[in-house]
Amino acid sequence: MSFTWFVGARYLRARQKQAFISLITFLATAGIAVGVMALIVVIAVMTGFEAELQNRILGIESHVLVMRYGETVSDIDATVAAIESIDGVRSASPFVYTQVMLRSPHGVTGAVLKALDPSRPGPPIVVRHNRPLARVLNDAAPDESAGKAPGLIVGGVTAEKLQVAVGDPIFLISPLGKGAGASQMPTVMRFSVAGIFETGMNEYDGAMSFVRLDVAQRLLQMPGQATGLEVRVDDIYQARTLADDIVASIGFPFWARDWMQMNRNLFSMLRLQKTVMFIILTLIVLVAAFNIASALIMMVMEKTRDIAILKTLGATNRHIRRIFVFKGLVIGCLGTVVGGLMGFVVCSILKRYPFIKLPGDVYFLTTLPVSLQPLDVIIIGLSTVVICFLATLYPATSASALDPVDGIRYG
């Protein structure tokens, strides 16, 4: 152990003459620990929100959306084959997308109707009783000879609003009816509720409904056509590159947009909130760092005679500076480690025992999601240590600048 570390360790173990200095040192260590713990827990919750939101959105929406400017897709098979031939593309499926009204004996509500081909890969939505969406759509084919109406899958919020259950009749009203101009009449078609899905997101559970592609094509009088294509890729973080490859492959008038572009504002808002929370909670660490500086300044005043004696024995300004930097860094590192352990414990408890409940009608979750990332912990720890190091510079420099003659005379 070098001379500076040996003296610094002795100063840490020694009992100060003024108990107030020890109290400030303890409060500084506790402040660092609380600040680090708060940063870790809040950042873990924000990261969990972002990850959970991403998973739920990708469970409903496609990785890449492909459409044509101002018109529907008519050459579906050729377009699907061209897209699926691109390296990195997992599947491509046609869909029909339109706004409708749903009516039951108990009420009327607006909805977004999305039609999918059950024979092709689609979103991994699970309907109640753990039935995949594609299987329910496959069983929802109409049978006119048996008087079986086509099936419609609605969200949990819509089912509750219309007071319908599986098997109940429901009427779909489309504004795109027969005729033209003032003589155009909306199309009304009878369906049967084939299933009810719940994603946990009211924006989808209260607005989205699913039906078979062939049924929607007949309803909207667009045989062999689709609104667009949903593309799923192997690596979701390469979706933007693959979207450009798709457009380059199938050409104009097609356009493609990846999931990050479609939800840019939402994820940008979450990242901004995460950054703002990090900055605000860092203020706790800064206050604790000022306590470290205060404790070191008072210690310099108390150890004035000791510093002067060390200088007369050959200690340089650099040695004296290192002694007090060492003590400040030990306080900061100790607080960081304790705060990190406390943050890990709190995150583990929140993840295993989700006792904090959230209103489901406000958030898309009912419990706090927690995702503790090692990189976040490392950034928080290093930032805290750097702040503590900067807080030691002024008192350490003041101690090193002390005149040994004045220190012995007035110490």
Protein backbone atom coordinates (compact mmCIF):
# COMPACT_ATOMS: atom_id res chain seq x y z
CA MET A 1 0.00 0.00 0.00
CA SER A 2 1.38 3.42 -0.97
CA PHE A 3 1.90 6.27 1.49
CA THR A 4 -1.14 8.26 0.34
CA TRP A 5 -3.53 5.29 0.49
CA PHE A 6 -2.18 4.31 3.93
CA VAL A 7 -2.76 7.78 5.41
CA GLY A 8 -6.14 8.07 3.70
CA ALA A 9 -7.25 4.75 5.17
CA ARG A 10 -6.10 5.89 8.64
CA TYR A 11 -8.16 9.07 8.27
CA LEU A 12 -11.19 6.97 7.36
CA ARG A 13 -10.83 4.77 10.46
CA ALA A 14 -9.89 7.58 12.82
CA ARG A 15 -12.54 9.18 14.98
CA GLN A 16 -12.98 12.87 14.26
CA LYS A 17 -12.91 15.33 17.12
CA GLN A 18 -16.11 16.87 15.85
CA ALA A 19 -19.01 14.43 15.68
CA PHE A 20 -20.65 16.77 13.19
CA ILE A 21 -18.07 15.79 10.55
CA SER A 22 -18.87 12.11 11.03
CA LEU A 23 -22.58 12.89 10.73
CA ILE A 24 -22.06 14.74 7.46
CA THR A 25 -19.94 11.86 6.14
CA PHE A 26 -22.67 9.38 7.03
CA LEU A 27 -25.35 11.56 5.44
CA ALA A 28 -23.24 11.91 2.29
CA THR A 29 -22.83 8.13 2.02
CA ALA A 30 -26.55 7.59 2.68
CA GLY A 31 -27.47 10.28 0.15
CA ILE A 32 -25.34 8.65 -2.53
CA ALA A 33 -26.91 5.25 -1.74
CA VAL A 34 -30.47 6.60 -1.88
CA GLY A 35 -29.79 8.48 -5.11
CA VAL A 36 -28.25 5.46 -6.82
CA MET A 37 -31.10 3.22 -5.62
CA ALA A 38 -33.72 5.67 -6.90
CA LEU A 39 -31.96 5.98 -10.25
CA ILE A 40 -31.71 2.22 -10.71
CA VAL A 41 -35.34 1.55 -9.76
CA VAL A 42 -36.82 4.37 -11.86
CA ILE A 43 -34.69 3.62 -14.92
CA ALA A 44 -35.53 -0.11 -14.60
CA VAL A 45 -39.26 0.71 -14.49
CA MET A 46 -39.00 3.09 -17.47
CA THR A 47 -37.04 0.48 -19.44
CA GLY A 48 -39.65 -2.12 -18.50
CA PHE A 49 -42.43 0.14 -19.76
CA GLU A 50 -40.65 0.64 -23.07
CA ALA A 51 -39.92 -3.08 -23.52
CA GLU A 52 -43.46 -4.14 -22.58
CA LEU A 53 -45.00 -1.54 -24.85
CA GLN A 54 -42.76 -2.66 -27.71
CA ASN A 55 -43.69 -6.32 -27.19
CA ARG A 56 -47.39 -5.56 -27.11
CA ILE A 57 -47.29 -3.33 -30.18
CA LEU A 58 -45.33 -5.90 -32.17
CA GLY A 59 -47.80 -8.54 -31.01
CA ILE A 60 -50.55 -6.65 -32.85
CA GLU A 61 -48.90 -4.64 -35.60
CA SER A 62 -46.55 -5.81 -38.30
CA HIS A 63 -42.81 -5.25 -38.39
CA VAL A 64 -43.10 -3.60 -41.81
CA LEU A 65 -46.24 -2.21 -43.47
CA VAL A 66 -46.36 -2.26 -47.29
CA MET A 67 -49.04 -0.35 -49.24
CA ARG A 68 -49.63 1.31 -52.59
CA TYR A 69 -50.14 5.02 -53.11
CA GLY A 70 -53.85 5.74 -53.53
CA GLU A 71 -54.96 2.24 -54.50
CA THR A 72 -55.33 -1.31 -53.25
CA VAL A 73 -52.98 -4.23 -53.89
CA SER A 74 -54.42 -6.44 -56.63
CA ASP A 75 -51.50 -8.73 -57.57
CA ILE A 76 -51.30 -10.21 -54.05
CA ASP A 77 -49.57 -13.52 -54.79
CA ALA A 78 -46.83 -12.01 -56.97
CA THR A 79 -46.16 -9.23 -54.47
CA VAL A 80 -46.01 -11.65 -51.53
CA ALA A 81 -43.60 -13.91 -53.42
CA ALA A 82 -41.33 -10.96 -54.27
CA ILE A 83 -41.24 -9.76 -50.65
CA GLU A 84 -40.67 -13.20 -49.14
CA SER A 85 -37.72 -13.78 -51.48
CA ILE A 86 -35.79 -10.99 -49.70
CA ASP A 87 -33.22 -12.27 -47.22
CA GLY A 88 -34.32 -11.51 -43.65
CA VAL A 89 -38.06 -11.49 -44.38
CA ARG A 90 -39.96 -14.16 -42.47
CA SER A 91 -43.43 -13.78 -43.99
CA ALA A 92 -45.80 -11.43 -45.81
CA SER A 93 -49.58 -11.49 -45.45
CA PRO A 94 -52.34 -9.45 -47.13
CA PHE A 95 -54.84 -7.54 -45.03
CA VAL A 96 -57.89 -5.32 -45.43
CA TYR A 97 -58.30 -2.29 -43.17
CA THR A 98 -61.41 -0.15 -42.86
CA GLN A 99 -63.61 1.70 -40.36
CA VAL A 100 -67.01 0.27 -39.49
CA MET A 101 -69.79 0.43 -36.90
CA LEU A 102 -70.70 -2.51 -34.69
CA ARG A 103 -74.24 -2.90 -33.38
CA SER A 104 -75.70 -5.29 -30.86
CA PRO A 105 -79.07 -5.29 -29.06
CA HIS A 106 -77.35 -3.39 -26.26
CA GLY A 107 -75.50 -0.62 -28.07
CA VAL A 108 -73.51 0.74 -31.00
CA THR A 109 -69.81 1.55 -31.22
CA GLY A 110 -67.23 2.44 -33.83
CA ALA A 111 -64.44 0.01 -34.69
CA VAL A 112 -61.50 -0.54 -36.98
CA LEU A 113 -61.99 -3.73 -38.96
CA LYS A 114 -58.89 -5.67 -39.90
CA ALA A 115 -59.23 -8.68 -42.16
CA LEU A 116 -56.53 -11.35 -42.26
CA ASP A 117 -55.89 -14.53 -44.20
CA PRO A 118 -55.92 -17.37 -41.62
CA SER A 119 -53.80 -19.55 -43.92
CA ARG A 120 -50.86 -17.13 -43.69
CA PRO A 121 -48.74 -16.12 -40.68
CA GLY A 122 -50.31 -13.25 -38.76
CA PRO A 123 -49.97 -11.37 -35.48
CA PRO A 124 -49.41 -13.62 -32.44
CA ILE A 125 -52.64 -12.53 -30.75
CA VAL A 126 -54.21 -15.03 -28.38
CA VAL A 127 -57.98 -15.08 -28.04
CA ARG A 128 -59.61 -16.03 -24.75
CA HIS A 129 -59.18 -19.65 -23.69
CA ASN A 130 -55.65 -19.61 -25.22
CA ARG A 131 -56.74 -19.98 -28.82
CA PRO A 132 -54.51 -18.46 -31.53
CA LEU A 133 -56.13 -15.77 -33.63
CA ALA A 134 -55.46 -17.64 -36.90
CA ARG A 135 -57.20 -20.79 -35.63
CA VAL A 136 -60.27 -18.82 -34.54
CA LEU A 137 -60.42 -17.06 -37.91
CA ASN A 138 -60.08 -20.40 -39.67
CA ASP A 139 -63.07 -21.73 -37.74
CA ALA A 140 -65.03 -18.53 -38.37
CA ALA A 141 -65.78 -19.29 -42.03
CA PRO A 142 -69.44 -18.77 -42.96
CA ASP A 143 -71.64 -21.69 -43.98
CA GLU A 144 -74.70 -20.41 -45.80
CA SER A 145 -76.19 -23.87 -46.24
CA ALA A 146 -76.16 -24.38 -42.47
CA GLY A 147 -77.19 -20.80 -41.75
CA LYS A 148 -73.86 -20.07 -40.03
CA ALA A 149 -72.90 -16.39 -40.07
CA PRO A 150 -69.26 -15.36 -40.52
CA GLY A 151 -67.31 -14.94 -37.32
CA LEU A 152 -66.03 -11.66 -35.91
CA ILE A 153 -63.35 -11.35 -33.22
CA VAL A 154 -63.72 -8.30 -30.99
CA GLY A 155 -61.66 -6.79 -28.18
CA GLY A 156 -62.53 -7.17 -24.53
CA VAL A 157 -63.49 -3.50 -24.12
CA THR A 158 -65.76 -3.66 -27.19
CA ALA A 159 -67.39 -6.87 -25.95
CA GLU A 160 -68.05 -5.27 -22.58
CA LYS A 161 -69.45 -2.11 -24.16
CA LEU A 162 -71.81 -4.04 -26.47
CA GLN A 163 -72.52 -6.69 -23.80
CA VAL A 164 -71.80 -9.59 -26.14
CA ALA A 165 -70.19 -12.99 -25.59
CA VAL A 166 -68.92 -15.74 -27.88
CA GLY A 167 -71.75 -16.97 -30.09
CA ASP A 168 -73.89 -13.83 -29.81
CA PRO A 169 -75.07 -12.13 -33.01
CA ILE A 170 -73.55 -8.76 -33.92
CA PHE A 171 -74.15 -6.52 -36.93
CA LEU A 172 -71.40 -4.79 -38.87
CA ILE A 173 -72.24 -1.56 -40.69
CA SER A 174 -69.88 -0.33 -43.39
CA PRO A 175 -70.22 3.15 -44.93
CA LEU A 176 -68.83 1.75 -48.19
CA GLY A 177 -72.16 0.48 -49.46
CA LYS A 178 -73.77 0.00 -52.81
CA GLY A 179 -74.76 2.84 -55.08
CA ALA A 180 -73.12 6.21 -55.63
CA GLY A 181 -73.57 9.74 -54.44
CA ALA A 182 -76.74 10.52 -52.49
CA SER A 183 -78.20 7.11 -53.32
CA GLN A 184 -75.34 5.22 -51.64
CA MET A 185 -76.57 3.12 -48.74
CA PRO A 186 -74.36 1.59 -46.04
CA THR A 187 -73.82 -2.15 -46.08
CA VAL A 188 -75.13 -4.12 -43.12
CA MET A 189 -73.90 -7.67 -42.52
CA ARG A 190 -74.74 -10.09 -39.73
CA PHE A 191 -71.85 -11.72 -37.88
CA SER A 192 -71.43 -14.02 -34.91
CA VAL A 193 -68.91 -13.26 -32.16
CA ALA A 194 -66.26 -15.94 -32.73
CA GLY A 195 -63.82 -14.84 -30.03
CA ILE A 196 -62.74 -12.07 -27.68
CA PHE A 197 -59.11 -10.95 -27.38
CA GLU A 198 -57.39 -8.84 -24.74
CA THR A 199 -54.02 -7.18 -25.33
CA GLY A 200 -54.14 -5.01 -22.21
CA MET A 201 -54.08 -1.87 -24.38
CA ASN A 202 -57.41 -0.04 -24.47
CA GLU A 203 -56.51 1.58 -27.80
CA TYR A 204 -56.70 -1.88 -29.40
CA ASP A 205 -59.15 -3.73 -27.14
CA GLY A 206 -61.72 -0.98 -27.57
CA ALA A 207 -61.28 -0.27 -31.27
CA MET A 208 -59.90 -3.26 -33.18
CA SER A 209 -61.92 -6.16 -34.59
CA PHE A 210 -60.76 -9.04 -36.79
CA VAL A 211 -62.47 -10.96 -39.57
CA ARG A 212 -61.49 -13.34 -42.36
CA LEU A 213 -59.96 -11.76 -45.47
CA ASP A 214 -62.42 -13.35 -47.91
CA VAL A 215 -65.39 -12.13 -45.85
CA ALA A 216 -64.08 -8.53 -45.81
CA GLN A 217 -63.39 -8.64 -49.55
CA ARG A 218 -67.00 -9.63 -50.16
CA LEU A 219 -68.30 -7.04 -47.70
CA LEU A 220 -66.28 -4.19 -49.25
CA GLN A 221 -66.68 -5.43 -52.84
CA MET A 222 -62.96 -5.77 -53.48
CA PRO A 223 -62.48 -9.37 -54.70
CA GLY A 224 -58.86 -10.54 -54.90
CA GLN A 225 -57.62 -7.24 -53.48
CA ALA A 226 -56.05 -6.10 -50.22
CA THR A 227 -55.42 -2.79 -48.50
CA GLY A 228 -51.77 -3.71 -48.02
CA LEU A 229 -49.33 -6.32 -46.81
CA GLU A 230 -48.02 -7.04 -43.33
CA VAL A 231 -44.40 -8.15 -43.27
CA ARG A 232 -42.66 -9.89 -40.38
CA VAL A 233 -38.87 -10.07 -40.29
CA ASP A 234 -36.28 -12.15 -38.45
CA ASP A 235 -34.60 -9.17 -36.73
CA ILE A 236 -36.97 -6.39 -35.70
CA TYR A 237 -34.08 -3.92 -35.41
CA GLN A 238 -33.29 -4.43 -39.12
CA ALA A 239 -36.87 -3.61 -40.11
CA ARG A 240 -36.00 -0.17 -41.47
CA THR A 241 -33.29 -1.54 -43.74
CA LEU A 242 -35.57 -4.33 -44.95
CA ALA A 243 -38.34 -1.79 -45.61
CA ASP A 244 -36.00 0.01 -48.00
CA ASP A 245 -35.05 -3.33 -49.61
CA ILE A 246 -38.73 -4.18 -50.12
CA VAL A 247 -39.45 -0.89 -51.87
CA ALA A 248 -36.37 -1.34 -54.03
CA SER A 249 -37.53 -4.84 -54.96
CA ILE A 250 -41.20 -4.28 -55.79
CA GLY A 251 -40.81 -0.65 -56.88
CA PHE A 252 -43.20 2.29 -57.23
CA PRO A 253 -46.10 2.84 -56.43
CA PHE A 254 -45.46 0.74 -53.32
CA TRP A 255 -44.21 2.31 -50.09
CA ALA A 256 -43.09 0.67 -46.85
CA ARG A 257 -42.84 1.82 -43.27
CA ASP A 258 -41.29 -0.07 -40.36
CA TRP A 259 -42.69 -0.35 -36.82
CA MET A 260 -40.25 2.22 -35.41
CA GLN A 261 -41.43 4.84 -37.90
CA MET A 262 -45.09 4.07 -37.22
CA ASN A 263 -44.59 4.48 -33.45
CA ARG A 264 -41.80 7.08 -33.50
CA ASN A 265 -43.59 9.68 -31.39
CA LEU A 266 -44.56 7.18 -28.71
CA PHE A 267 -41.08 5.73 -28.23
CA SER A 268 -39.45 9.16 -28.50
CA MET A 269 -41.69 10.34 -25.66
CA LEU A 270 -40.69 7.35 -23.50
CA ARG A 271 -36.98 7.93 -24.15
CA LEU A 272 -37.38 11.62 -23.33
CA GLN A 273 -39.14 10.78 -20.06
CA LYS A 274 -36.37 8.35 -19.20
CA THR A 275 -33.71 10.99 -19.83
CA VAL A 276 -35.58 13.64 -17.82
CA MET A 277 -36.05 11.27 -14.87
CA PHE A 278 -32.34 10.42 -14.96
CA ILE A 279 -31.40 14.11 -14.84
CA ILE A 280 -33.86 14.90 -12.04
CA LEU A 281 -32.81 11.98 -9.85
CA THR A 282 -29.14 12.77 -10.45
CA LEU A 283 -29.77 15.91 -8.39
CA ILE A 284 -30.05 13.65 -5.34
CA VAL A 285 -26.53 12.41 -6.04
CA LEU A 286 -25.32 15.99 -6.54
CA VAL A 287 -26.69 17.03 -3.13
CA ALA A 288 -24.90 14.07 -1.55
CA ALA A 289 -21.73 15.03 -3.43
CA PHE A 290 -21.90 18.51 -1.84
CA ASN A 291 -22.08 16.77 1.53
CA ILE A 292 -18.89 14.90 0.65
CA ALA A 293 -17.20 18.19 -0.19
CA SER A 294 -18.44 19.73 3.07
CA ALA A 295 -17.17 16.80 5.12
CA LEU A 296 -13.75 16.97 3.45
CA ILE A 297 -13.50 20.74 3.93
CA MET A 298 -14.24 20.36 7.64
CA MET A 299 -11.75 17.53 7.86
CA VAL A 300 -9.08 19.71 6.24
CA MET A 301 -9.76 22.36 8.89
CA GLU A 302 -9.50 19.72 11.64
CA LYS A 303 -6.37 18.08 10.24
CA THR A 304 -4.49 21.32 9.52
CA ARG A 305 -1.67 20.49 11.96
CA ASP A 306 -1.41 16.88 10.67
CA ILE A 307 -1.16 18.12 7.08
CA ALA A 308 1.57 20.58 8.04
CA ILE A 309 3.56 17.84 9.82
CA LEU A 310 3.22 15.52 6.81
CA LYS A 311 4.55 18.29 4.56
CA THR A 312 7.53 18.92 6.83
CA LEU A 313 8.29 15.18 6.68
CA GLY A 314 8.48 15.33 2.87
CA ALA A 315 4.90 14.85 1.67
CA THR A 316 4.30 16.75 -1.55
CA ASN A 317 1.16 18.64 -2.56
CA ARG A 318 0.29 15.72 -4.81
CA HIS A 319 0.44 13.32 -1.83
CA ILE A 320 -1.85 15.51 0.27
CA ARG A 321 -4.29 15.92 -2.59
CA ARG A 322 -4.45 12.16 -3.15
CA ILE A 323 -5.17 11.51 0.55
CA PHE A 324 -8.39 13.54 0.50
CA VAL A 325 -9.40 12.38 -2.98
CA PHE A 326 -9.01 8.83 -1.69
CA LYS A 327 -11.33 9.46 1.24
CA GLY A 328 -13.96 11.14 -0.94
CA LEU A 329 -13.85 8.34 -3.50
CA VAL A 330 -14.21 5.71 -0.77
CA ILE A 331 -17.34 7.47 0.51
CA GLY A 332 -18.72 7.75 -3.05
CA CYS A 333 -17.90 4.16 -4.00
CA LEU A 334 -19.35 2.83 -0.76
CA GLY A 335 -22.58 4.74 -1.33
CA THR A 336 -22.69 3.58 -4.95
CA VAL A 337 -22.24 -0.09 -4.04
CA VAL A 338 -24.81 0.07 -1.22
CA GLY A 339 -27.26 1.94 -3.46
CA GLY A 340 -26.71 -0.54 -6.28
CA LEU A 341 -27.44 -3.47 -3.97
CA MET A 342 -30.53 -1.74 -2.59
CA GLY A 343 -31.75 -0.96 -6.12
CA PHE A 344 -31.22 -4.58 -7.19
CA VAL A 345 -33.18 -5.83 -4.16
CA VAL A 346 -36.06 -3.40 -4.77
CA CYS A 347 -36.22 -4.31 -8.48
CA SER A 348 -36.21 -8.02 -7.65
CA ILE A 349 -39.05 -7.54 -5.14
CA LEU A 350 -41.12 -5.50 -7.62
CA LYS A 351 -40.56 -8.10 -10.33
CA ARG A 352 -41.38 -11.10 -8.16
CA TYR A 353 -44.13 -9.56 -6.04
CA PRO A 354 -45.98 -6.98 -8.21
CA PHE A 355 -47.90 -5.43 -5.33
CA ILE A 356 -48.01 -1.93 -6.89
CA LYS A 357 -51.15 -1.82 -9.02
CA LEU A 358 -51.80 0.54 -11.93
CA PRO A 359 -55.19 1.58 -13.32
CA GLY A 360 -55.69 -0.48 -16.45
CA ASP A 361 -57.92 2.13 -18.08
CA VAL A 362 -55.11 4.69 -17.90
CA TYR A 363 -52.04 2.53 -18.54
CA PHE A 364 -51.79 -0.55 -20.72
CA LEU A 365 -50.53 -2.49 -17.70
CA THR A 366 -51.93 -3.30 -14.27
CA THR A 367 -48.55 -3.75 -12.55
CA LEU A 368 -45.16 -2.05 -12.75
CA PRO A 369 -42.92 -3.66 -15.38
CA VAL A 370 -39.28 -3.92 -14.29
CA SER A 371 -36.36 -4.54 -16.64
CA LEU A 372 -32.95 -4.07 -15.02
CA GLN A 373 -30.28 -3.73 -17.72
CA PRO A 374 -26.58 -4.15 -16.81
CA LEU A 375 -25.60 -1.23 -19.07
CA ASP A 376 -27.96 1.12 -17.20
CA VAL A 377 -26.46 0.05 -13.86
CA ILE A 378 -22.92 0.58 -15.16
CA ILE A 379 -23.75 4.06 -16.50
CA ILE A 380 -25.41 5.05 -13.21
CA GLY A 381 -22.49 3.72 -11.16
CA LEU A 382 -19.79 5.37 -13.26
CA SER A 383 -21.67 8.69 -13.37
CA THR A 384 -22.00 8.68 -9.58
CA VAL A 385 -18.31 7.94 -9.03
CA VAL A 386 -17.33 10.73 -11.45
CA ILE A 387 -19.59 13.20 -9.60
CA CYS A 388 -18.07 12.17 -6.27
CA PHE A 389 -14.55 12.55 -7.69
CA LEU A 390 -15.30 16.07 -8.89
CA ALA A 391 -16.68 16.91 -5.45
CA THR A 392 -13.33 16.00 -3.85
CA LEU A 393 -11.18 18.24 -6.05
CA TYR A 394 -11.76 21.56 -4.28
CA PRO A 395 -11.17 20.38 -0.66
CA ALA A 396 -8.23 18.21 -1.78
CA THR A 397 -6.64 21.13 -3.63
CA SER A 398 -7.21 23.41 -0.62
CA ALA A 399 -5.48 20.90 1.65
CA SER A 400 -2.51 20.56 -0.70
CA ALA A 401 -2.09 24.36 -0.86
CA LEU A 402 -1.77 24.67 2.94
CA ASP A 403 1.43 26.37 4.14
CA PRO A 404 3.14 23.99 6.62
CA VAL A 405 4.49 26.91 8.72
CA ASP A 406 1.02 28.39 9.17
CA GLY A 407 -0.40 24.93 9.77
CA ILE A 408 1.97 24.21 12.67
CA ARG A 409 1.63 27.73 14.09
CA TYR A 410 -2.18 27.95 13.97
CA GLY A 411 -3.14 24.24 13.86
